[in-house]
């Protein structure tokens, strides 16, 4: 009897291993993609002043250049170096999307005699998400979202799952700052792996999202009154089963 129980337990462990490995691989994929997404957006963020310079034409931010800078940012943030010769299809799609979005906006970015171009980090992030999602053909979907009170574009509004995680986990003082959350959850009636990474206001974010609350920022939007280090958004990724 004891031997039978042991064998049954052992069989149960072996049956669980593929599931655990798959879950871990999804975590790794999600962390890499959201980190790449964030790293690319950072290039636009730190170059915002340069993009808006009136007296300079070519800003030197081609698709190739921004991909290279994004990879540098990714390495600095994660400590990992991506092997360009052995990228996954999703990694390739993300980097291709970065290049395409930048190339599509070259005329705008390089327009001389115009200051504010409207090419903000959030605009870039939305265009990048749209391009990446199209390339993944329904297999994956990435999205920049935020607490409802901080969402400016309705397309970025959190769905019920994202809202619940943001409000009941990320906003709690006991939640480890910066720690992502993932689980298997239904999306429109279908099982999906969901991953969400919290984001906090950095100094560069406050020019548009800081105070005084209600004051107009450079884009004409109303500042939210956010403060340094406050939860300001999240990157959400869905991998469809």
Protein backbone atom coordinates (compact mmCIF):
# COMPACT_ATOMS: atom_id res chain seq x y z
CA UNK A 1 0.00 0.00 0.00
CA UNK A 2 2.78 2.44 0.96
CA UNK A 3 4.63 1.59 -2.27
CA UNK A 4 1.52 2.28 -4.33
CA UNK A 5 1.02 5.61 -2.64
CA UNK A 6 4.64 6.50 -3.30
CA UNK A 7 4.37 5.60 -6.97
CA UNK A 8 1.15 7.59 -7.33
CA UNK A 9 2.77 10.62 -5.69
CA UNK A 10 5.81 10.29 -7.93
CA UNK A 11 3.62 10.04 -11.03
CA UNK A 12 1.76 13.16 -9.92
CA UNK A 13 5.03 15.07 -9.61
CA UNK A 14 6.15 14.01 -13.10
CA UNK A 15 2.81 15.09 -14.53
CA UNK A 16 3.20 18.52 -12.93
CA UNK A 17 6.71 19.22 -14.27
CA UNK A 18 5.70 20.26 -17.85
CA UNK A 19 3.06 22.61 -16.44
CA UNK A 20 5.54 24.23 -14.07
CA UNK A 21 8.15 24.59 -16.82
CA UNK A 22 5.57 26.15 -19.13
CA UNK A 23 4.47 28.61 -16.46
CA UNK A 24 8.07 29.58 -15.76
CA UNK A 25 8.75 30.11 -19.45
CA UNK A 26 5.70 32.36 -19.69
CA UNK A 27 6.99 34.38 -16.74
CA UNK A 28 10.36 34.74 -18.43
CA UNK A 29 8.81 35.72 -21.75
CA UNK A 30 6.57 38.27 -20.05
CA UNK A 31 9.38 39.82 -18.03
CA UNK A 32 11.57 40.10 -21.12
CA UNK A 33 8.87 41.65 -23.32
CA UNK A 34 7.62 44.15 -20.75
CA UNK A 35 11.22 45.10 -19.95
CA UNK A 36 11.95 45.60 -23.65
CA UNK A 37 8.78 47.65 -24.04
CA UNK A 38 9.77 49.85 -21.11
CA UNK A 39 13.37 50.14 -22.34
CA UNK A 40 12.21 51.37 -25.75
CA UNK A 41 9.84 53.93 -24.24
CA UNK A 42 12.68 55.23 -22.08
CA UNK A 43 14.61 56.19 -25.22
CA UNK A 44 11.79 58.53 -26.23
CA UNK A 45 11.41 59.80 -22.67
CA UNK A 46 15.06 60.79 -22.17
CA UNK A 47 15.18 62.33 -25.66
CA UNK A 48 11.94 64.30 -25.31
CA UNK A 49 13.72 67.63 -25.08
CA UNK A 50 15.91 66.77 -28.05
CA UNK A 51 12.89 65.74 -30.14
CA UNK A 52 11.22 69.08 -29.42
CA UNK A 53 14.18 71.24 -30.41
CA UNK A 54 13.15 73.78 -33.02
CA UNK A 55 16.51 74.45 -34.65
CA UNK A 56 17.55 70.84 -35.30
CA UNK A 57 16.29 68.77 -38.21
CA UNK A 58 17.57 65.21 -38.14
CA UNK A 59 17.44 64.13 -34.50
CA UNK A 60 19.46 60.97 -35.07
CA UNK A 61 16.69 58.74 -33.74
CA UNK A 62 16.19 56.29 -36.58
CA UNK A 63 14.59 52.94 -35.98
CA UNK A 64 18.00 51.26 -35.92
CA UNK A 65 19.40 53.75 -33.41
CA UNK A 66 16.41 53.50 -31.07
CA UNK A 67 16.49 49.68 -31.14
CA UNK A 68 20.17 49.80 -30.15
CA UNK A 69 19.47 52.27 -27.35
CA UNK A 70 16.52 50.18 -26.18
CA UNK A 71 18.75 47.10 -25.98
CA UNK A 72 21.26 49.09 -23.93
CA UNK A 73 18.49 50.23 -21.58
CA UNK A 74 17.26 46.65 -21.30
CA UNK A 75 20.72 45.42 -20.30
CA UNK A 76 21.14 48.21 -17.76
CA UNK A 77 17.74 47.48 -16.21
CA UNK A 78 17.92 43.67 -16.16
CA UNK A 79 21.62 42.84 -16.23
CA UNK A 80 20.96 40.56 -19.21
CA UNK A 81 22.23 40.85 -22.77
CA UNK A 82 19.86 39.60 -25.45
CA UNK A 83 21.43 37.35 -28.07
CA UNK A 84 20.37 39.10 -31.27
CA UNK A 85 21.08 35.97 -33.31
CA UNK A 86 18.76 33.83 -31.17
CA UNK A 87 15.73 35.96 -30.43
CA UNK A 88 12.30 34.46 -29.91
CA UNK A 89 9.55 35.37 -32.36
CA UNK A 90 8.00 37.66 -29.74
CA UNK A 91 11.30 39.45 -29.04
CA UNK A 92 11.84 39.90 -32.76
CA UNK A 93 8.33 41.26 -33.16
CA UNK A 94 8.90 43.76 -30.34
CA UNK A 95 12.18 45.07 -31.76
CA UNK A 96 10.76 45.18 -35.29
CA UNK A 97 7.79 47.15 -33.95
CA UNK A 98 10.13 49.65 -32.24
CA UNK A 99 11.96 50.21 -35.52
CA UNK A 100 8.76 50.53 -37.56
CA UNK A 101 7.14 53.04 -35.19
CA UNK A 102 10.26 55.22 -35.20
CA UNK A 103 10.59 55.08 -38.98
CA UNK A 104 6.92 55.98 -39.43
CA UNK A 105 7.43 59.08 -37.27
CA UNK A 106 10.68 60.36 -38.78
CA UNK A 107 9.07 63.27 -40.66
CA UNK A 108 7.35 64.42 -37.46
CA UNK A 109 10.37 63.98 -35.20
CA UNK A 110 12.73 65.72 -37.63
CA UNK A 111 10.47 68.63 -38.57
CA UNK A 112 12.57 71.76 -38.24
CA UNK A 113 11.02 75.00 -37.04
CA UNK A 114 8.47 73.19 -34.87
CA UNK A 115 8.91 72.78 -31.13
CA UNK A 116 6.45 70.44 -29.45
CA UNK A 117 5.83 67.54 -31.83
CA UNK A 118 3.27 65.62 -29.77
CA UNK A 119 5.50 62.54 -29.94
CA UNK A 120 5.35 61.74 -26.24
CA UNK A 121 6.47 58.53 -24.49
CA UNK A 122 2.82 57.53 -23.99
CA UNK A 123 2.06 58.10 -27.68
CA UNK A 124 5.07 56.03 -28.68
CA UNK A 125 4.08 53.29 -26.23
CA UNK A 126 0.55 53.11 -27.61
CA UNK A 127 1.78 52.94 -31.21
CA UNK A 128 4.36 50.34 -30.24
CA UNK A 129 1.71 48.20 -28.54
CA UNK A 130 -0.59 48.41 -31.56
CA UNK A 131 2.20 47.42 -33.96
CA UNK A 132 3.47 44.59 -31.76
CA UNK A 133 -0.03 43.21 -31.19
CA UNK A 134 -0.65 43.17 -34.93
CA UNK A 135 2.55 41.22 -35.51
CA UNK A 136 1.59 38.63 -32.91
CA UNK A 137 -1.68 37.85 -34.72
CA UNK A 138 -3.77 37.30 -31.62
CA UNK A 139 -1.18 35.18 -29.79
CA UNK A 140 -0.09 37.96 -27.45
CA UNK A 141 -1.23 41.44 -26.54
CA UNK A 142 0.63 44.16 -24.67
CA UNK A 143 -0.88 47.32 -23.27
CA UNK A 144 0.08 50.37 -21.23
CA UNK A 145 -2.54 51.06 -18.58
CA UNK A 146 -2.88 52.97 -15.30
CA UNK A 147 -5.14 53.58 -12.31
CA UNK A 148 -8.44 54.83 -13.72
CA UNK A 149 -7.99 58.37 -12.39
CA UNK A 150 -4.71 58.69 -14.29
CA UNK A 151 -5.84 57.36 -17.68
CA UNK A 152 -6.01 60.02 -20.40
CA UNK A 153 -6.72 57.84 -23.42
CA UNK A 154 -9.74 55.56 -23.13
CA UNK A 155 -7.96 52.81 -25.05
CA UNK A 156 -5.57 52.53 -22.11
CA UNK A 157 -8.27 52.07 -19.49
CA UNK A 158 -7.70 49.00 -17.30
CA UNK A 159 -10.05 46.08 -17.77
CA UNK A 160 -11.62 44.44 -14.70
CA UNK A 161 -8.66 42.15 -14.08
CA UNK A 162 -6.09 44.95 -14.41
CA UNK A 163 -8.19 47.31 -12.27
CA UNK A 164 -8.46 44.70 -9.52
CA UNK A 165 -4.71 44.05 -9.43
CA UNK A 166 -3.86 47.76 -9.50
CA UNK A 167 -6.32 48.77 -6.78
CA UNK A 168 -6.20 45.75 -4.47
CA UNK A 169 -2.57 44.72 -4.81
CA UNK A 170 -0.23 47.31 -6.32
CA UNK A 171 -1.69 50.21 -4.32
CA UNK A 172 -1.39 48.42 -0.99
CA UNK A 173 1.50 49.52 1.23
CA UNK A 174 2.32 45.88 1.97
CA UNK A 175 2.81 44.95 -1.69
CA UNK A 176 6.50 44.66 -2.71
CA UNK A 177 7.25 47.70 -4.84
CA UNK A 178 8.01 46.86 -8.45
CA UNK A 179 7.02 43.20 -8.21
CA UNK A 180 4.95 41.97 -11.17
CA UNK A 181 1.92 39.73 -10.78
CA UNK A 182 0.82 36.88 -13.03
CA UNK A 183 -1.85 34.21 -13.16
CA UNK A 184 -4.04 32.19 -15.49
CA UNK A 185 -7.31 34.03 -16.00
CA UNK A 186 -10.19 34.08 -18.46
CA UNK A 187 -10.17 36.73 -21.19
CA UNK A 188 -13.46 36.97 -23.07
CA UNK A 189 -14.30 33.44 -21.99
CA UNK A 190 -10.94 31.94 -22.99
CA UNK A 191 -8.07 30.89 -20.76
CA UNK A 192 -5.03 33.16 -20.92
CA UNK A 193 -1.82 33.82 -19.05
CA UNK A 194 -1.86 37.36 -17.68
CA UNK A 195 1.13 39.37 -16.51
CA UNK A 196 1.16 42.92 -15.19
CA UNK A 197 4.13 45.06 -14.17
CA UNK A 198 3.62 48.12 -11.92
CA UNK A 199 5.22 51.43 -12.87
CA UNK A 200 5.98 54.40 -10.69
CA UNK A 201 6.40 58.07 -11.51
CA UNK A 202 10.00 59.02 -12.19
CA UNK A 203 11.29 62.57 -12.36
CA UNK A 204 10.83 62.76 -16.14
CA UNK A 205 7.17 61.72 -15.80
CA UNK A 206 6.27 64.62 -13.52
CA UNK A 207 6.64 67.27 -16.24
CA UNK A 208 3.30 66.02 -17.58
CA UNK A 209 1.82 64.06 -14.70
CA UNK A 210 3.01 65.97 -11.62
CA UNK A 211 1.73 69.16 -10.06
CA UNK A 212 0.11 71.50 -9.70
CA UNK A 213 -2.88 69.24 -10.26
CA UNK A 214 -5.14 70.56 -13.03
CA UNK A 215 -2.46 72.75 -14.61
CA UNK A 216 -2.00 72.24 -18.35
CA UNK A 217 1.11 70.36 -19.41
CA UNK A 218 3.03 70.79 -22.68
CA UNK A 219 0.50 68.62 -24.56
CA UNK A 220 -2.48 70.60 -23.27
CA UNK A 221 -3.63 67.83 -20.96
CA UNK A 222 -4.34 68.42 -17.29
CA UNK A 223 -1.64 67.36 -14.86
CA UNK A 224 -2.74 64.62 -12.46
CA UNK A 225 -0.79 65.87 -9.45
CA UNK A 226 1.30 62.72 -9.22
CA UNK A 227 4.35 62.59 -6.96
CA UNK A 228 7.75 60.98 -7.34
CA UNK A 229 7.62 57.25 -6.67
CA UNK A 230 3.83 57.01 -6.79
CA UNK A 231 2.15 54.19 -8.70
CA UNK A 232 1.36 55.81 -12.03
CA UNK A 233 0.72 52.96 -14.43
CA UNK A 234 1.33 49.37 -15.40
CA UNK A 235 2.37 47.31 -18.40
CA UNK A 236 -0.05 44.49 -19.02
CA UNK A 237 0.66 41.43 -21.19
CA UNK A 238 -1.69 38.64 -22.27
CA UNK A 239 -0.50 35.32 -23.70
CA UNK A 240 -3.44 33.46 -25.12
CA UNK A 241 -3.61 29.73 -24.41
